[in-house]
């Protein structure tokens, strides 16, 4: 097989994977749109949150806390804590992508769990960049389209609680968390955070237990800096 044919096959594989990931992750946007509507956000606010914040765990945390009666400050802080990991991803991806300064601001919007995982597993510079942009854009488009459908659909069908959609926050978090519990250290972090949040929920306002659980994770990460690192699995060739 020629080098050109191999290159085309590699790019095709990246694109297929990127679209598949976008569709799979985007499906959560339906739940988010419905839950945001349940929490009292308008369709415009819901769509704006997906387009501008664009990090699923943070968005679910925000609407979950607001929907439970928590303050907007607690919701924003919880969302921020969950989004900090994206900054660490960005630091790891920067030398791989090697983007011009004018494109870094746009690229920052697409730094996600999924785009990072796709990017660091590619062996050549062209496929690294293609994997990053294709995955990020695919997830962005699918997530935002699903958000609109979920928000509009929730208002059309009435109170989402009648269909049990209010339970989707916990289910979505579990689905996002489960694949990441790959070693003993992450399992310990998740377990301690859950214990702290459950213990504080009866005595503190909504949202504050989530912040306390995030503080536990930060404290553990401070002791074990390697937890926040993203290590490429391959050496990128130009």
Protein backbone atom coordinates (compact mmCIF):
# COMPACT_ATOMS: atom_id res chain seq x y z
CA UNK A 1 0.00 0.00 0.00
CA UNK A 2 1.38 3.42 -0.97
CA UNK A 3 2.18 6.11 1.59
CA UNK A 4 -0.55 8.34 0.14
CA UNK A 5 -3.16 5.59 0.46
CA UNK A 6 -2.09 4.90 4.04
CA UNK A 7 -2.40 8.61 4.82
CA UNK A 8 -5.93 8.74 3.38
CA UNK A 9 -6.94 5.68 5.40
CA UNK A 10 -5.56 7.27 8.57
CA UNK A 11 -7.50 10.48 7.99
CA UNK A 12 -10.67 8.57 7.18
CA UNK A 13 -10.35 6.61 10.41
CA UNK A 14 -9.91 9.82 12.39
CA UNK A 15 -12.99 11.40 10.81
CA UNK A 16 -15.16 8.32 11.38
CA UNK A 17 -14.07 8.15 15.02
CA UNK A 18 -14.64 11.87 15.49
CA UNK A 19 -18.18 11.78 14.10
CA UNK A 20 -19.01 8.68 16.16
CA UNK A 21 -17.78 10.37 19.33
CA UNK A 22 -19.72 13.52 18.51
CA UNK A 23 -22.98 11.62 18.11
CA UNK A 24 -22.45 9.56 21.27
CA UNK A 25 -21.51 12.54 23.45
CA UNK A 26 -24.09 14.78 21.84
CA UNK A 27 -26.87 12.51 23.02
CA UNK A 28 -26.28 13.82 26.55
CA UNK A 29 -27.24 17.24 25.24
CA UNK A 30 -30.86 16.12 25.09
CA UNK A 31 -30.86 15.50 28.83
CA UNK A 32 -29.02 18.73 29.50
CA UNK A 33 -31.51 20.78 27.49
CA UNK A 34 -34.44 19.20 29.32
CA UNK A 35 -32.83 19.59 32.74
CA UNK A 36 -31.91 23.21 32.10
CA UNK A 37 -35.54 23.87 31.24
CA UNK A 38 -36.57 22.12 34.46
CA UNK A 39 -34.14 24.33 36.40
CA UNK A 40 -35.91 27.43 35.08
CA UNK A 41 -33.54 28.49 32.28
CA UNK A 42 -35.04 29.81 29.06
CA UNK A 43 -34.25 28.17 25.75
CA UNK A 44 -31.93 31.07 24.92
CA UNK A 45 -30.07 30.77 28.23
CA UNK A 46 -29.77 27.02 27.80
CA UNK A 47 -28.40 27.29 24.27
CA UNK A 48 -26.02 30.07 25.33
CA UNK A 49 -24.70 27.95 28.20
CA UNK A 50 -23.95 25.06 25.84
CA UNK A 51 -22.36 27.24 23.19
CA UNK A 52 -20.19 29.33 25.51
CA UNK A 53 -19.40 27.02 28.43
CA UNK A 54 -19.29 23.82 26.38
CA UNK A 55 -18.14 21.33 28.96
CA UNK A 56 -20.75 18.77 29.82
CA UNK A 57 -19.86 18.01 33.44
CA UNK A 58 -19.74 21.71 34.32
CA UNK A 59 -23.07 22.35 32.64
CA UNK A 60 -24.78 19.47 34.43
CA UNK A 61 -23.34 20.69 37.74
CA UNK A 62 -24.63 24.20 37.09
CA UNK A 63 -28.20 23.24 36.25
CA UNK A 64 -28.27 20.57 38.95
CA UNK A 65 -27.39 23.08 41.67
CA UNK A 66 -29.68 25.80 40.33
CA UNK A 67 -32.50 23.30 39.94
CA UNK A 68 -32.04 22.15 43.54
CA UNK A 69 -32.42 25.71 44.78
CA UNK A 70 -28.74 26.53 45.21
CA UNK A 71 -27.26 29.95 44.56
CA UNK A 72 -25.87 30.96 41.21
CA UNK A 73 -22.51 31.61 42.87
CA UNK A 74 -22.31 28.02 44.13
CA UNK A 75 -23.37 26.75 40.71
CA UNK A 76 -20.73 28.84 38.92
CA UNK A 77 -17.98 27.78 41.32
CA UNK A 78 -18.87 24.10 40.99
CA UNK A 79 -18.89 24.40 37.20
CA UNK A 80 -15.55 26.21 37.29
CA UNK A 81 -13.91 23.55 39.45
CA UNK A 82 -15.04 20.83 37.05
CA UNK A 83 -13.74 22.81 34.09
CA UNK A 84 -10.25 23.41 35.48
CA UNK A 85 -9.05 20.08 34.10
CA UNK A 86 -9.50 21.46 30.58
CA UNK A 87 -6.75 23.99 31.26
CA UNK A 88 -4.42 21.10 32.14
CA UNK A 89 -5.42 19.36 28.93
CA UNK A 90 -4.60 22.54 27.03
CA UNK A 91 -1.10 22.69 28.47
CA UNK A 92 -0.49 19.10 27.37
CA UNK A 93 -1.93 19.60 23.89
CA UNK A 94 -0.13 22.86 23.11
CA UNK A 95 3.22 21.31 22.10
CA UNK A 96 1.47 18.61 20.05
CA UNK A 97 -0.77 21.00 18.10
CA UNK A 98 1.79 23.82 17.85
CA UNK A 99 -0.86 26.27 16.67
CA UNK A 100 -0.26 29.89 15.63
CA UNK A 101 -1.19 32.40 18.33
CA UNK A 102 -4.23 33.67 16.41
CA UNK A 103 -5.80 30.18 16.37
CA UNK A 104 -5.21 29.29 20.01
CA UNK A 105 -8.21 31.23 21.31
CA UNK A 106 -10.55 29.32 18.98
CA UNK A 107 -8.83 26.01 19.75
CA UNK A 108 -9.33 26.55 23.50
CA UNK A 109 -13.08 26.14 23.01
CA UNK A 110 -12.56 22.61 21.71
CA UNK A 111 -10.24 21.33 24.46
CA UNK A 112 -12.33 18.49 25.88
CA UNK A 113 -11.88 15.05 27.38
CA UNK A 114 -12.79 13.51 24.02
CA UNK A 115 -10.66 15.75 21.80
CA UNK A 116 -7.68 15.28 24.13
CA UNK A 117 -8.00 11.50 24.12
CA UNK A 118 -8.26 11.45 20.32
CA UNK A 119 -5.34 13.83 19.84
CA UNK A 120 -2.71 12.23 22.05
CA UNK A 121 -3.26 8.81 20.48
CA UNK A 122 -2.27 9.89 16.94
CA UNK A 123 1.24 9.21 15.60
CA UNK A 124 1.75 12.07 13.10
CA UNK A 125 1.34 15.84 13.20
CA UNK A 126 -1.36 15.98 10.46
CA UNK A 127 -3.51 13.33 12.14
CA UNK A 128 -2.95 14.97 15.54
CA UNK A 129 -4.39 18.25 14.31
CA UNK A 130 -7.15 16.57 12.32
CA UNK A 131 -8.17 14.48 15.35
CA UNK A 132 -8.31 17.57 17.57
CA UNK A 133 -10.34 19.78 15.25
CA UNK A 134 -12.61 17.04 13.90
CA UNK A 135 -13.47 15.69 17.34
CA UNK A 136 -13.92 19.11 18.93
CA UNK A 137 -16.16 20.42 16.15
CA UNK A 138 -18.14 17.19 15.93
CA UNK A 139 -18.90 17.19 19.65
CA UNK A 140 -19.68 20.93 19.61
CA UNK A 141 -22.19 20.64 16.77
CA UNK A 142 -23.91 17.51 18.08
CA UNK A 143 -24.00 18.75 21.67
CA UNK A 144 -25.52 22.10 20.76
CA UNK A 145 -28.07 20.66 18.36
CA UNK A 146 -29.15 18.15 21.01
CA UNK A 147 -29.33 20.94 23.59
CA UNK A 148 -31.78 22.86 21.45
CA UNK A 149 -33.90 19.76 20.86
CA UNK A 150 -33.88 18.91 24.56
CA UNK A 151 -34.80 22.42 25.70
CA UNK A 152 -37.54 22.92 23.13
CA UNK A 153 -38.84 19.39 23.58
CA UNK A 154 -38.99 19.73 27.36
CA UNK A 155 -41.16 22.80 27.08
CA UNK A 156 -43.38 21.07 24.56
CA UNK A 157 -44.01 17.97 26.69
CA UNK A 158 -44.54 19.85 29.95
CA UNK A 159 -42.77 19.22 33.25
CA UNK A 160 -39.74 16.94 32.61
CA UNK A 161 -40.10 15.57 36.15
CA UNK A 162 -43.25 13.76 35.01
CA UNK A 163 -40.99 11.63 32.79
CA UNK A 164 -38.24 11.11 35.34
CA UNK A 165 -35.78 13.36 33.52
CA UNK A 166 -34.81 15.06 36.78
CA UNK A 167 -32.90 11.86 37.60
CA UNK A 168 -30.73 12.32 34.52
CA UNK A 169 -28.23 14.59 36.31
CA UNK A 170 -26.97 11.78 38.52
CA UNK A 171 -27.10 9.28 35.68
CA UNK A 172 -25.19 11.61 33.36
CA UNK A 173 -22.50 12.27 35.97
CA UNK A 174 -22.09 8.55 36.58
CA UNK A 175 -21.80 7.91 32.84
CA UNK A 176 -19.16 10.63 32.52
CA UNK A 177 -17.24 9.45 35.57
CA UNK A 178 -17.26 5.68 35.15
CA UNK A 179 -14.84 5.39 32.18
CA UNK A 180 -12.29 7.50 34.07
CA UNK A 181 -12.05 5.22 37.10
CA UNK A 182 -9.16 3.33 35.56
CA UNK A 183 -6.73 3.18 38.48
CA UNK A 184 -6.66 3.05 42.25
CA UNK A 185 -5.87 6.73 42.73
CA UNK A 186 -8.81 8.03 40.70
CA UNK A 187 -11.15 5.57 42.42
CA UNK A 188 -9.98 6.80 45.83
CA UNK A 189 -10.52 10.41 44.77
CA UNK A 190 -14.02 9.72 43.47
CA UNK A 191 -14.92 7.70 46.57
CA UNK A 192 -13.73 10.32 49.05
CA UNK A 193 -15.44 13.10 47.13
CA UNK A 194 -18.72 11.15 47.11
CA UNK A 195 -18.49 10.48 50.87
CA UNK A 196 -17.87 14.16 51.63
CA UNK A 197 -20.71 15.32 49.39
CA UNK A 198 -23.19 12.81 50.86
CA UNK A 199 -22.20 13.67 54.42
CA UNK A 200 -22.61 17.41 53.90
CA UNK A 201 -25.78 17.37 51.77
CA UNK A 202 -28.22 17.25 54.74
CA UNK A 203 -26.57 20.17 56.56
CA UNK A 204 -25.35 22.57 53.85
CA UNK A 205 -27.14 24.54 51.08
CA UNK A 206 -27.37 22.95 47.61
CA UNK A 207 -24.13 23.29 45.70
CA UNK A 208 -21.82 23.66 48.69
CA UNK A 209 -21.32 19.88 49.16
CA UNK A 210 -20.19 19.69 45.52
CA UNK A 211 -17.62 22.42 46.17
CA UNK A 212 -16.40 20.54 49.24
CA UNK A 213 -16.00 17.37 47.19
CA UNK A 214 -14.06 19.34 44.58
CA UNK A 215 -11.79 20.66 47.34
CA UNK A 216 -11.03 17.07 48.34
CA UNK A 217 -9.99 16.26 44.76
CA UNK A 218 -7.81 19.37 44.58
CA UNK A 219 -6.13 18.51 47.88
CA UNK A 220 -5.36 15.00 46.68
CA UNK A 221 -4.10 16.29 43.32
CA UNK A 222 -1.82 18.69 45.18
CA UNK A 223 -0.23 15.72 46.93
CA UNK A 224 -0.07 13.70 43.71
CA UNK A 225 0.65 16.18 40.86
CA UNK A 226 0.81 13.40 38.28
CA UNK A 227 -2.98 12.90 38.62
CA UNK A 228 -3.56 16.03 36.58
CA UNK A 229 -1.07 15.17 33.88
CA UNK A 230 -1.94 13.91 30.43
CA UNK A 231 0.79 11.69 29.06
CA UNK A 232 0.85 11.16 25.29
CA UNK A 233 0.82 7.51 24.32
CA UNK A 234 2.79 8.01 21.14
CA UNK A 235 5.60 10.11 19.78
CA UNK A 236 4.33 12.57 17.19
CA UNK A 237 6.19 12.53 13.93
CA UNK A 238 6.09 15.56 11.61
